Amino acid sequence: LDENGWPFDPKVDEKLSVLFNECLDLTFQRASADKHSERTFGDLFDEVCREKGVKNNHPLLKWHQANLELPTGADFHGLGYTWNDDEPFGFEGAHAAPETSWKFVMDNL
């Protein structure tokens, strides 16, 4: 919804979605090429957007950024070059859950 609560024009939504994804793809390419840089993913994304002439302060582009922040648990500009920067603290190996524990949860919902 725009600042007045109205839905965005679907054509504008589609255009900005394509532009966001293009910028995101280029950002990933550059981030992969130089993983030892001090720059954040968000800073690199801003640079790519400027080069492509995309003003990334549009509410729809901000929505796409927020949509990436939620699953990563980090501010867009605080993201590292890889999605697994926290992997030393993550759970490696196979993941499993005892069937009986999930059955109990589902039965009680």
C-alpha atoms as a PDB file:
ATOM      1  CA  LEU A   1       0.000   0.000   0.000  1.00  0.00           C
ATOM      2  CA  ASP A   2       1.196   3.493  -0.744  1.00  0.00           C
ATOM      3  CA  GLU A   3       1.440   6.311   1.809  1.00  0.00           C
ATOM      4  CA  ASN A   4      -2.325   6.945   1.409  1.00  0.00           C
ATOM      5  CA  GLY A   5      -3.282   3.311   1.982  1.00  0.00           C
ATOM      6  CA  TRP A   6      -4.013   2.537  -1.674  1.00  0.00           C
ATOM      7  CA  PRO A   7      -2.577  -0.491  -3.483  1.00  0.00           C
ATOM      8  CA  PHE A   8       0.310   0.220  -5.837  1.00  0.00           C
ATOM      9  CA  ASP A   9      -0.290  -0.042  -9.563  1.00  0.00           C
ATOM     10  CA  PRO A  10       0.480  -3.699 -10.456  1.00  0.00           C
ATOM     11  CA  LYS A  11       2.667  -2.525 -13.366  1.00  0.00           C
ATOM     12  CA  VAL A  12       4.764  -0.385 -11.017  1.00  0.00           C
ATOM     13  CA  ASP A  13       4.952  -3.270  -8.563  1.00  0.00           C
ATOM     14  CA  GLU A  14       6.175  -5.671 -11.264  1.00  0.00           C
ATOM     15  CA  LYS A  15       8.706  -3.171 -12.642  1.00  0.00           C
ATOM     16  CA  LEU A  16      10.190  -2.471  -9.204  1.00  0.00           C
ATOM     17  CA  SER A  17      10.235  -6.159  -8.329  1.00  0.00           C
ATOM     18  CA  VAL A  18      12.268  -6.885 -11.470  1.00  0.00           C
ATOM     19  CA  LEU A  19      14.640  -3.981 -10.745  1.00  0.00           C
ATOM     20  CA  PHE A  20      15.098  -5.104  -7.138  1.00  0.00           C
ATOM     21  CA  ASN A  21      15.911  -8.650  -8.221  1.00  0.00           C
ATOM     22  CA  GLU A  22      18.356  -7.416 -10.872  1.00  0.00           C
ATOM     23  CA  CYS A  23      20.146  -5.291  -8.273  1.00  0.00           C
ATOM     24  CA  LEU A  24      20.105  -8.183  -5.818  1.00  0.00           C
ATOM     25  CA  ASP A  25      21.605 -10.589  -8.375  1.00  0.00           C
ATOM     26  CA  LEU A  26      24.406  -8.154  -9.215  1.00  0.00           C
ATOM     27  CA  THR A  27      25.039  -7.578  -5.527  1.00  0.00           C
ATOM     28  CA  PHE A  28      25.373 -11.314  -4.908  1.00  0.00           C
ATOM     29  CA  GLN A  29      27.815 -11.595  -7.826  1.00  0.00           C
ATOM     30  CA  ARG A  30      29.985  -8.797  -6.492  1.00  0.00           C
ATOM     31  CA  ALA A  31      29.764 -10.031  -2.915  1.00  0.00           C
ATOM     32  CA  SER A  32      30.867 -13.499  -3.988  1.00  0.00           C
ATOM     33  CA  ALA A  33      33.835 -12.052  -5.848  1.00  0.00           C
ATOM     34  CA  ASP A  34      35.205 -10.244  -2.770  1.00  0.00           C
ATOM     35  CA  LYS A  35      34.147 -11.923   0.456  1.00  0.00           C
ATOM     36  CA  HIS A  36      36.907 -10.252   2.482  1.00  0.00           C
ATOM     37  CA  SER A  37      35.697  -6.704   1.982  1.00  0.00           C
ATOM     38  CA  GLU A  38      34.704  -4.600   4.981  1.00  0.00           C
ATOM     39  CA  ARG A  39      31.625  -3.316   3.140  1.00  0.00           C
ATOM     40  CA  THR A  40      28.219  -4.655   4.092  1.00  0.00           C
ATOM     41  CA  PHE A  41      25.806  -6.324   1.719  1.00  0.00           C
ATOM     42  CA  GLY A  42      23.486  -3.318   2.022  1.00  0.00           C
ATOM     43  CA  ASP A  43      26.240  -0.857   1.113  1.00  0.00           C
ATOM     44  CA  LEU A  44      27.094  -2.927  -1.932  1.00  0.00           C
ATOM     45  CA  PHE A  45      23.404  -3.125  -2.853  1.00  0.00           C
ATOM     46  CA  ASP A  46      23.124   0.677  -2.631  1.00  0.00           C
ATOM     47  CA  GLU A  47      26.113   1.025  -4.956  1.00  0.00           C
ATOM     48  CA  VAL A  48      24.590  -1.358  -7.515  1.00  0.00           C
ATOM     49  CA  CYS A  49      21.272   0.517  -7.384  1.00  0.00           C
ATOM     50  CA  ARG A  50      23.026   3.856  -7.968  1.00  0.00           C
ATOM     51  CA  GLU A  51      24.909   2.428 -10.949  1.00  0.00           C
ATOM     52  CA  LYS A  52      21.659   1.122 -12.445  1.00  0.00           C
ATOM     53  CA  GLY A  53      19.881   4.419 -11.755  1.00  0.00           C
ATOM     54  CA  VAL A  54      17.469   2.816  -9.295  1.00  0.00           C
ATOM     55  CA  LYS A  55      16.339   4.975  -6.383  1.00  0.00           C
ATOM     56  CA  ASN A  56      16.118   2.407  -3.628  1.00  0.00           C
ATOM     57  CA  ASN A  57      14.078   4.572  -1.258  1.00  0.00           C
ATOM     58  CA  HIS A  58      10.768   3.668  -2.927  1.00  0.00           C
ATOM     59  CA  PRO A  59       8.342   2.001  -0.467  1.00  0.00           C
ATOM     60  CA  LEU A  60       8.089  -1.135  -2.623  1.00  0.00           C
ATOM     61  CA  LEU A  61      11.859  -1.538  -2.697  1.00  0.00           C
ATOM     62  CA  LYS A  62      11.961  -0.996   1.051  1.00  0.00           C
ATOM     63  CA  TRP A  63       9.334  -3.735   1.383  1.00  0.00           C
ATOM     64  CA  HIS A  64      11.551  -6.131  -0.597  1.00  0.00           C
ATOM     65  CA  GLN A  65      14.488  -5.262   1.651  1.00  0.00           C
ATOM     66  CA  ALA A  66      12.390  -5.848   4.765  1.00  0.00           C
ATOM     67  CA  ASN A  67      11.280  -9.159   3.298  1.00  0.00           C
ATOM     68  CA  LEU A  68      14.951 -10.236   3.328  1.00  0.00           C
ATOM     69  CA  GLU A  69      15.579  -8.874   6.810  1.00  0.00           C
ATOM     70  CA  LEU A  70      12.908 -11.022   8.439  1.00  0.00           C
ATOM     71  CA  PRO A  71      14.371 -14.469   7.664  1.00  0.00           C
ATOM     72  CA  THR A  72      17.971 -13.355   8.180  1.00  0.00           C
ATOM     73  CA  GLY A  73      17.305 -11.610  11.471  1.00  0.00           C
ATOM     74  CA  ALA A  74      19.482  -8.677  10.479  1.00  0.00           C
ATOM     75  CA  ASP A  75      19.075  -5.153   9.185  1.00  0.00           C
ATOM     76  CA  PHE A  76      19.593  -5.076   5.400  1.00  0.00           C
ATOM     77  CA  HIS A  77      22.696  -2.917   5.802  1.00  0.00           C
ATOM     78  CA  GLY A  78      23.969  -5.158   8.570  1.00  0.00           C
ATOM     79  CA  LEU A  79      23.987  -8.291   6.434  1.00  0.00           C
ATOM     80  CA  GLY A  80      27.324  -9.868   5.681  1.00  0.00           C
ATOM     81  CA  TYR A  81      28.498 -11.096   2.309  1.00  0.00           C
ATOM     82  CA  THR A  82      27.095 -14.556   2.864  1.00  0.00           C
ATOM     83  CA  TRP A  83      23.832 -15.665   4.350  1.00  0.00           C
ATOM     84  CA  ASN A  84      25.694 -17.971   6.711  1.00  0.00           C
ATOM     85  CA  ASP A  85      28.049 -15.531   8.411  1.00  0.00           C
ATOM     86  CA  ASP A  86      26.896 -17.013  11.708  1.00  0.00           C
ATOM     87  CA  GLU A  87      27.585 -20.607  10.629  1.00  0.00           C
ATOM     88  CA  PRO A  88      30.296 -21.213  13.270  1.00  0.00           C
ATOM     89  CA  PHE A  89      27.461 -20.847  15.791  1.00  0.00           C
ATOM     90  CA  GLY A  90      24.861 -22.767  13.769  1.00  0.00           C
ATOM     91  CA  PHE A  91      23.861 -26.383  13.829  1.00  0.00           C
ATOM     92  CA  GLU A  92      25.892 -28.495  11.436  1.00  0.00           C
ATOM     93  CA  GLY A  93      25.096 -31.986  10.275  1.00  0.00           C
ATOM     94  CA  ALA A  94      21.779 -33.716   9.921  1.00  0.00           C
ATOM     95  CA  HIS A  95      18.748 -32.180  11.586  1.00  0.00           C
ATOM     96  CA  ALA A  96      16.094 -34.399  13.117  1.00  0.00           C
ATOM     97  CA  ALA A  97      13.122 -34.184  15.436  1.00  0.00           C
ATOM     98  CA  PRO A  98      11.560 -37.032  17.370  1.00  0.00           C
ATOM     99  CA  GLU A  99       8.244 -37.884  15.784  1.00  0.00           C
ATOM    100  CA  THR A 100       6.425 -38.236  19.076  1.00  0.00           C
ATOM    101  CA  SER A 101       7.195 -34.676  20.165  1.00  0.00           C
ATOM    102  CA  TRP A 102       5.694 -33.162  16.997  1.00  0.00           C
ATOM    103  CA  LYS A 103       2.710 -35.478  17.175  1.00  0.00           C
ATOM    104  CA  PHE A 104       1.960 -34.204  20.676  1.00  0.00           C
ATOM    105  CA  VAL A 105       2.106 -30.582  19.463  1.00  0.00           C
ATOM    106  CA  MET A 106      -0.110 -31.231  16.441  1.00  0.00           C
ATOM    107  CA  ASP A 107      -2.639 -33.220  18.461  1.00  0.00           C
ATOM    108  CA  ASN A 108      -2.973 -30.371  20.927  1.00  0.00           C
ATOM    109  CA  LEU A 109      -3.406 -27.609  18.363  1.00  0.00           C
END
